[in-house]
Amino acid sequence: MNKFESILFDYGRYVFVSVFRKAQEEERYEDCAVMRDIMQKYHIPCDTSLEDWRTDLWRFGYSGDVAINNLSVYMVEALTRAGYSNS
């Protein structure tokens, strides 16, 4: 499992797609290619929204409130793990 796949499993698809968008902004095309392969492997659309993420949490029996409240922390941790700046 690579760092991007671990981000997906630890933080969910919304945070993963947000990291993917950051990679696109920073023109890290090799990372984008790796993440695109992961997105195809797990059938994750590029337009995953916050509501989609919350629905995923509900599907697994979680309210999603804690995750939504901690989203900024998750984003910082995921971006750091991916090796990107938080700005």
C-alpha atoms as a PDB file:
ATOM      1  CA  MET A   1       0.000   0.000   0.000  1.00  0.00           C
ATOM      2  CA  ASN A   2       1.412   3.385  -0.957  1.00  0.00           C
ATOM      3  CA  LYS A   3       0.980   6.698   0.844  1.00  0.00           C
ATOM      4  CA  PHE A   4      -1.982   7.733  -1.290  1.00  0.00           C
ATOM      5  CA  GLU A   5      -3.863   4.512  -0.747  1.00  0.00           C
ATOM      6  CA  SER A   6      -3.275   4.848   2.996  1.00  0.00           C
ATOM      7  CA  ILE A   7      -4.735   8.379   2.848  1.00  0.00           C
ATOM      8  CA  LEU A   8      -7.830   6.959   1.170  1.00  0.00           C
ATOM      9  CA  PHE A   9      -8.249   4.249   3.802  1.00  0.00           C
ATOM     10  CA  ASP A  10      -7.478   6.487   6.780  1.00  0.00           C
ATOM     11  CA  TYR A  11      -9.443   9.603   5.802  1.00  0.00           C
ATOM     12  CA  GLY A  12     -11.966   8.561   3.160  1.00  0.00           C
ATOM     13  CA  ARG A  13     -12.591   9.481  -0.420  1.00  0.00           C
ATOM     14  CA  TYR A  14     -13.392  13.175   0.085  1.00  0.00           C
ATOM     15  CA  VAL A  15     -10.018  13.896   1.687  1.00  0.00           C
ATOM     16  CA  PHE A  16      -8.322  11.676  -0.906  1.00  0.00           C
ATOM     17  CA  VAL A  17      -9.920  13.574  -3.800  1.00  0.00           C
ATOM     18  CA  SER A  18      -8.955  16.860  -2.137  1.00  0.00           C
ATOM     19  CA  VAL A  19      -5.325  15.695  -2.047  1.00  0.00           C
ATOM     20  CA  PHE A  20      -5.674  14.719  -5.714  1.00  0.00           C
ATOM     21  CA  ARG A  21      -6.877  18.233  -6.547  1.00  0.00           C
ATOM     22  CA  LYS A  22      -3.929  19.703  -4.627  1.00  0.00           C
ATOM     23  CA  ALA A  23      -1.577  17.519  -6.678  1.00  0.00           C
ATOM     24  CA  GLN A  24      -3.175  18.873  -9.845  1.00  0.00           C
ATOM     25  CA  GLU A  25      -2.765  22.474  -8.631  1.00  0.00           C
ATOM     26  CA  GLU A  26       0.900  21.869  -7.811  1.00  0.00           C
ATOM     27  CA  GLU A  27       1.400  20.093 -11.161  1.00  0.00           C
ATOM     28  CA  ARG A  28       2.639  16.874  -9.568  1.00  0.00           C
ATOM     29  CA  TYR A  29       1.692  14.729 -12.499  1.00  0.00           C
ATOM     30  CA  GLU A  30       3.377  11.522 -11.328  1.00  0.00           C
ATOM     31  CA  ASP A  31       1.379  11.687  -8.092  1.00  0.00           C
ATOM     32  CA  CYS A  32      -1.766  12.427 -10.100  1.00  0.00           C
ATOM     33  CA  ALA A  33      -1.178   9.315 -12.207  1.00  0.00           C
ATOM     34  CA  VAL A  34      -0.766   7.138  -9.101  1.00  0.00           C
ATOM     35  CA  MET A  35      -3.889   8.621  -7.510  1.00  0.00           C
ATOM     36  CA  ARG A  36      -5.852   8.280 -10.762  1.00  0.00           C
ATOM     37  CA  ASP A  37      -5.018   4.556 -10.787  1.00  0.00           C
ATOM     38  CA  ILE A  38      -6.262   4.265  -7.199  1.00  0.00           C
ATOM     39  CA  MET A  39      -9.435   6.144  -8.125  1.00  0.00           C
ATOM     40  CA  GLN A  40     -10.068   3.716 -10.975  1.00  0.00           C
ATOM     41  CA  LYS A  41      -9.285   0.702  -8.780  1.00  0.00           C
ATOM     42  CA  TYR A  42     -11.823   1.755  -6.130  1.00  0.00           C
ATOM     43  CA  HIS A  43     -14.310   3.473  -8.482  1.00  0.00           C
ATOM     44  CA  ILE A  44     -13.913   6.939  -6.945  1.00  0.00           C
ATOM     45  CA  PRO A  45     -15.248   9.814  -9.056  1.00  0.00           C
ATOM     46  CA  CYS A  46     -13.261  13.057  -9.325  1.00  0.00           C
ATOM     47  CA  ASP A  47     -16.307  15.055  -8.294  1.00  0.00           C
ATOM     48  CA  THR A  48     -16.735  13.460  -4.851  1.00  0.00           C
ATOM     49  CA  SER A  49     -18.414  15.976  -2.570  1.00  0.00           C
ATOM     50  CA  LEU A  50     -18.581  16.502   1.162  1.00  0.00           C
ATOM     51  CA  GLU A  51     -22.121  15.119   1.068  1.00  0.00           C
ATOM     52  CA  ASP A  52     -20.843  11.939  -0.606  1.00  0.00           C
ATOM     53  CA  TRP A  53     -18.297  11.527   2.177  1.00  0.00           C
ATOM     54  CA  ARG A  54     -20.939  12.032   4.854  1.00  0.00           C
ATOM     55  CA  THR A  55     -23.152   9.451   3.108  1.00  0.00           C
ATOM     56  CA  ASP A  56     -20.239   6.996   3.185  1.00  0.00           C
ATOM     57  CA  LEU A  57     -19.944   7.546   6.928  1.00  0.00           C
ATOM     58  CA  TRP A  58     -23.688   7.040   7.426  1.00  0.00           C
ATOM     59  CA  ARG A  59     -23.542   3.856   5.378  1.00  0.00           C
ATOM     60  CA  PHE A  60     -20.997   2.463   7.838  1.00  0.00           C
ATOM     61  CA  GLY A  61     -23.067   3.469  10.855  1.00  0.00           C
ATOM     62  CA  TYR A  62     -21.325   6.712  11.834  1.00  0.00           C
ATOM     63  CA  SER A  63     -23.073  10.053  12.241  1.00  0.00           C
ATOM     64  CA  GLY A  64     -20.287  11.921  10.475  1.00  0.00           C
ATOM     65  CA  ASP A  65     -20.453  14.872  12.872  1.00  0.00           C
ATOM     66  CA  VAL A  66     -17.044  14.212  14.414  1.00  0.00           C
ATOM     67  CA  ALA A  67     -15.470  13.650  11.001  1.00  0.00           C
ATOM     68  CA  ILE A  68     -16.954  16.865   9.608  1.00  0.00           C
ATOM     69  CA  ASN A  69     -15.763  18.794  12.673  1.00  0.00           C
ATOM     70  CA  ASN A  70     -12.256  17.343  12.287  1.00  0.00           C
ATOM     71  CA  LEU A  71     -12.062  17.780   8.519  1.00  0.00           C
ATOM     72  CA  SER A  72      -9.465  20.563   8.661  1.00  0.00           C
ATOM     73  CA  VAL A  73      -7.234  18.392  10.869  1.00  0.00           C
ATOM     74  CA  TYR A  74      -7.635  15.457   8.493  1.00  0.00           C
ATOM     75  CA  MET A  75      -6.765  17.646   5.508  1.00  0.00           C
ATOM     76  CA  VAL A  76      -3.577  18.962   7.139  1.00  0.00           C
ATOM     77  CA  GLU A  77      -2.516  15.445   8.143  1.00  0.00           C
ATOM     78  CA  ALA A  78      -3.259  14.007   4.691  1.00  0.00           C
ATOM     79  CA  LEU A  79      -1.444  16.796   2.847  1.00  0.00           C
ATOM     80  CA  THR A  80       1.545  16.428   5.149  1.00  0.00           C
ATOM     81  CA  ARG A  81       1.578  12.660   4.625  1.00  0.00           C
ATOM     82  CA  ALA A  82       1.482  13.213   0.858  1.00  0.00           C
ATOM     83  CA  GLY A  83       4.386  15.660   1.109  1.00  0.00           C
ATOM     84  CA  TYR A  84       2.471  18.798   0.130  1.00  0.00           C
ATOM     85  CA  SER A  85       2.379  22.200   1.759  1.00  0.00           C
ATOM     86  CA  ASN A  86      -0.798  23.112   3.623  1.00  0.00           C
ATOM     87  CA  SER A  87      -1.233  26.525   2.022  1.00  0.00           C
END
